[in-house]
Amino acid sequence: MADVCFAPASARDFLELDHSVQLQVRSALARVQADPYQYGDPLGKRAGINLFGRYSIRAGHRMRVIYAVPKAEVIIVTIGKREQFTVHQTARARIEVLRDLTAGELPTLAKVLEAADS
């Protein structure tokens, strides 16, 4: 079972979703937490967007969660609509920012989100 952490911007993505969509995303995240490789589809380079090494899982009909799996944790990069590769473009931009985060910052963000969810 992998730990799931949200990148800062993806946490905002989640909190801005309608409650019913949040439930769909939570369901997808539970599957990812159980086995991130089994349930997510590996991404590559498409439409000029290189997301090689990242995964995508559906949350409902139109929403996607894009995540990375470094070591034993899952980092949620972005949550959004699939239409016109918008979520993929956002993921590419956020991955650049994530490269600058230290491993210590991500668990702290996860704890903040858990506290906010309670």
Protein backbone atom coordinates (compact mmCIF):
# COMPACT_ATOMS: atom_id res chain seq x y z
CA MET A 1 0.00 0.00 0.00
CA ALA A 2 1.46 3.33 -1.06
CA ASP A 3 1.22 6.66 0.73
CA VAL A 4 -0.68 9.26 -1.29
CA CYS A 5 0.59 12.86 -1.20
CA PHE A 6 -0.82 15.87 -2.98
CA ALA A 7 1.36 18.41 -4.69
CA PRO A 8 0.29 21.89 -3.51
CA ALA A 9 -1.62 22.82 -6.67
CA SER A 10 -3.34 19.42 -6.88
CA ALA A 11 -4.63 19.89 -3.34
CA ARG A 12 -6.33 23.07 -4.53
CA ASP A 13 -7.67 21.17 -7.54
CA PHE A 14 -9.29 18.67 -5.21
CA LEU A 15 -10.77 21.23 -2.83
CA GLU A 16 -12.31 23.18 -5.72
CA LEU A 17 -14.21 20.15 -7.03
CA ASP A 18 -17.91 19.60 -6.46
CA HIS A 19 -18.57 17.21 -3.58
CA SER A 20 -19.87 14.45 -5.86
CA VAL A 21 -16.72 14.68 -8.00
CA GLN A 22 -14.57 14.65 -4.86
CA LEU A 23 -16.17 11.31 -3.97
CA GLN A 24 -15.25 9.93 -7.40
CA VAL A 25 -11.67 11.17 -7.00
CA ARG A 26 -11.45 9.62 -3.52
CA SER A 27 -12.55 6.30 -4.96
CA ALA A 28 -9.87 6.52 -7.66
CA LEU A 29 -7.25 7.47 -5.08
CA ALA A 30 -8.18 4.48 -2.93
CA ARG A 31 -7.46 2.21 -5.90
CA VAL A 32 -4.19 4.00 -6.59
CA GLN A 33 -3.19 3.68 -2.95
CA ALA A 34 -3.83 -0.07 -3.06
CA ASP A 35 -1.73 -0.59 -6.21
CA PRO A 36 -0.61 2.44 -8.22
CA TYR A 37 0.72 0.35 -11.10
CA GLN A 38 -2.29 -1.93 -11.55
CA TYR A 39 -5.03 0.70 -11.71
CA GLY A 40 -3.30 3.61 -13.44
CA ASP A 41 -2.60 3.82 -17.15
CA PRO A 42 1.03 4.65 -17.97
CA LEU A 43 1.45 7.91 -19.84
CA GLY A 44 3.96 8.70 -22.55
CA LYS A 45 4.44 11.46 -25.07
CA ARG A 46 1.30 12.56 -26.84
CA ALA A 47 0.27 15.81 -28.51
CA GLY A 48 3.74 17.17 -27.74
CA ILE A 49 3.33 16.61 -23.99
CA ASN A 50 5.89 14.29 -22.44
CA LEU A 51 4.50 12.63 -19.32
CA PHE A 52 6.61 9.48 -19.55
CA GLY A 53 6.87 7.79 -16.16
CA ARG A 54 3.58 9.22 -14.89
CA TYR A 55 0.20 7.53 -14.64
CA SER A 56 -3.43 8.52 -15.15
CA ILE A 57 -6.56 7.09 -13.59
CA ARG A 58 -10.15 7.96 -14.39
CA ALA A 59 -12.30 9.53 -11.72
CA GLY A 60 -15.79 9.40 -13.11
CA HIS A 61 -16.44 9.88 -16.79
CA ARG A 62 -14.47 13.03 -17.66
CA MET A 63 -12.04 13.59 -14.79
CA ARG A 64 -8.47 12.32 -14.64
CA VAL A 65 -5.96 12.13 -11.84
CA ILE A 66 -2.35 12.25 -13.02
CA TYR A 67 0.24 11.00 -10.57
CA ALA A 68 3.87 9.96 -10.20
CA VAL A 69 5.20 7.02 -8.18
CA PRO A 70 8.65 7.79 -6.81
CA LYS A 71 9.70 5.04 -4.38
CA ALA A 72 6.82 3.92 -2.11
CA GLU A 73 4.66 7.02 -2.32
CA VAL A 74 2.19 8.35 -4.85
CA ILE A 75 2.33 12.06 -5.64
CA ILE A 76 -0.86 13.49 -7.12
CA VAL A 77 0.27 15.96 -9.77
CA THR A 78 -3.07 17.25 -11.04
CA ILE A 79 -6.79 16.53 -11.09
CA GLY A 80 -8.87 17.82 -13.96
CA LYS A 81 -10.89 17.27 -17.09
CA ARG A 82 -9.38 15.28 -19.91
CA GLU A 83 -10.83 17.46 -22.66
CA GLN A 84 -8.27 18.82 -25.15
CA PHE A 85 -5.40 17.47 -23.02
CA THR A 86 -5.90 20.29 -20.52
CA VAL A 87 -5.10 18.08 -17.54
CA HIS A 88 -2.01 16.75 -19.32
CA GLN A 89 -0.70 20.24 -20.09
CA THR A 90 -1.25 21.27 -16.48
CA ALA A 91 0.60 18.15 -15.32
CA ARG A 92 3.61 18.95 -17.48
CA ALA A 93 3.86 22.45 -16.01
CA ARG A 94 3.45 21.22 -12.44
CA ILE A 95 6.06 18.50 -12.82
CA GLU A 96 8.64 21.21 -13.35
CA VAL A 97 7.61 22.76 -10.04
CA LEU A 98 7.56 19.39 -8.25
CA ARG A 99 11.16 18.77 -9.17
CA ASP A 100 12.06 21.63 -6.85
CA LEU A 101 10.18 20.27 -3.82
CA THR A 102 12.11 18.31 -1.25
CA ALA A 103 10.92 14.96 0.02
CA GLY A 104 10.26 16.53 3.42
CA GLU A 105 7.74 19.04 2.09
CA LEU A 106 5.39 16.51 0.48
CA PRO A 107 4.44 14.56 3.65
CA THR A 108 3.83 17.86 5.43
CA LEU A 109 1.39 18.87 2.70
CA ALA A 110 -0.41 15.53 3.03
CA LYS A 111 -0.87 16.10 6.78
CA VAL A 112 -2.29 19.57 6.15
CA LEU A 113 -4.80 18.15 3.70
CA GLU A 114 -5.83 15.40 6.12
CA ALA A 115 -6.41 17.98 8.84
CA ALA A 116 -8.44 20.16 6.48
CA ASP A 117 -10.54 17.15 5.46
CA SER A 118 -11.46 16.31 9.07
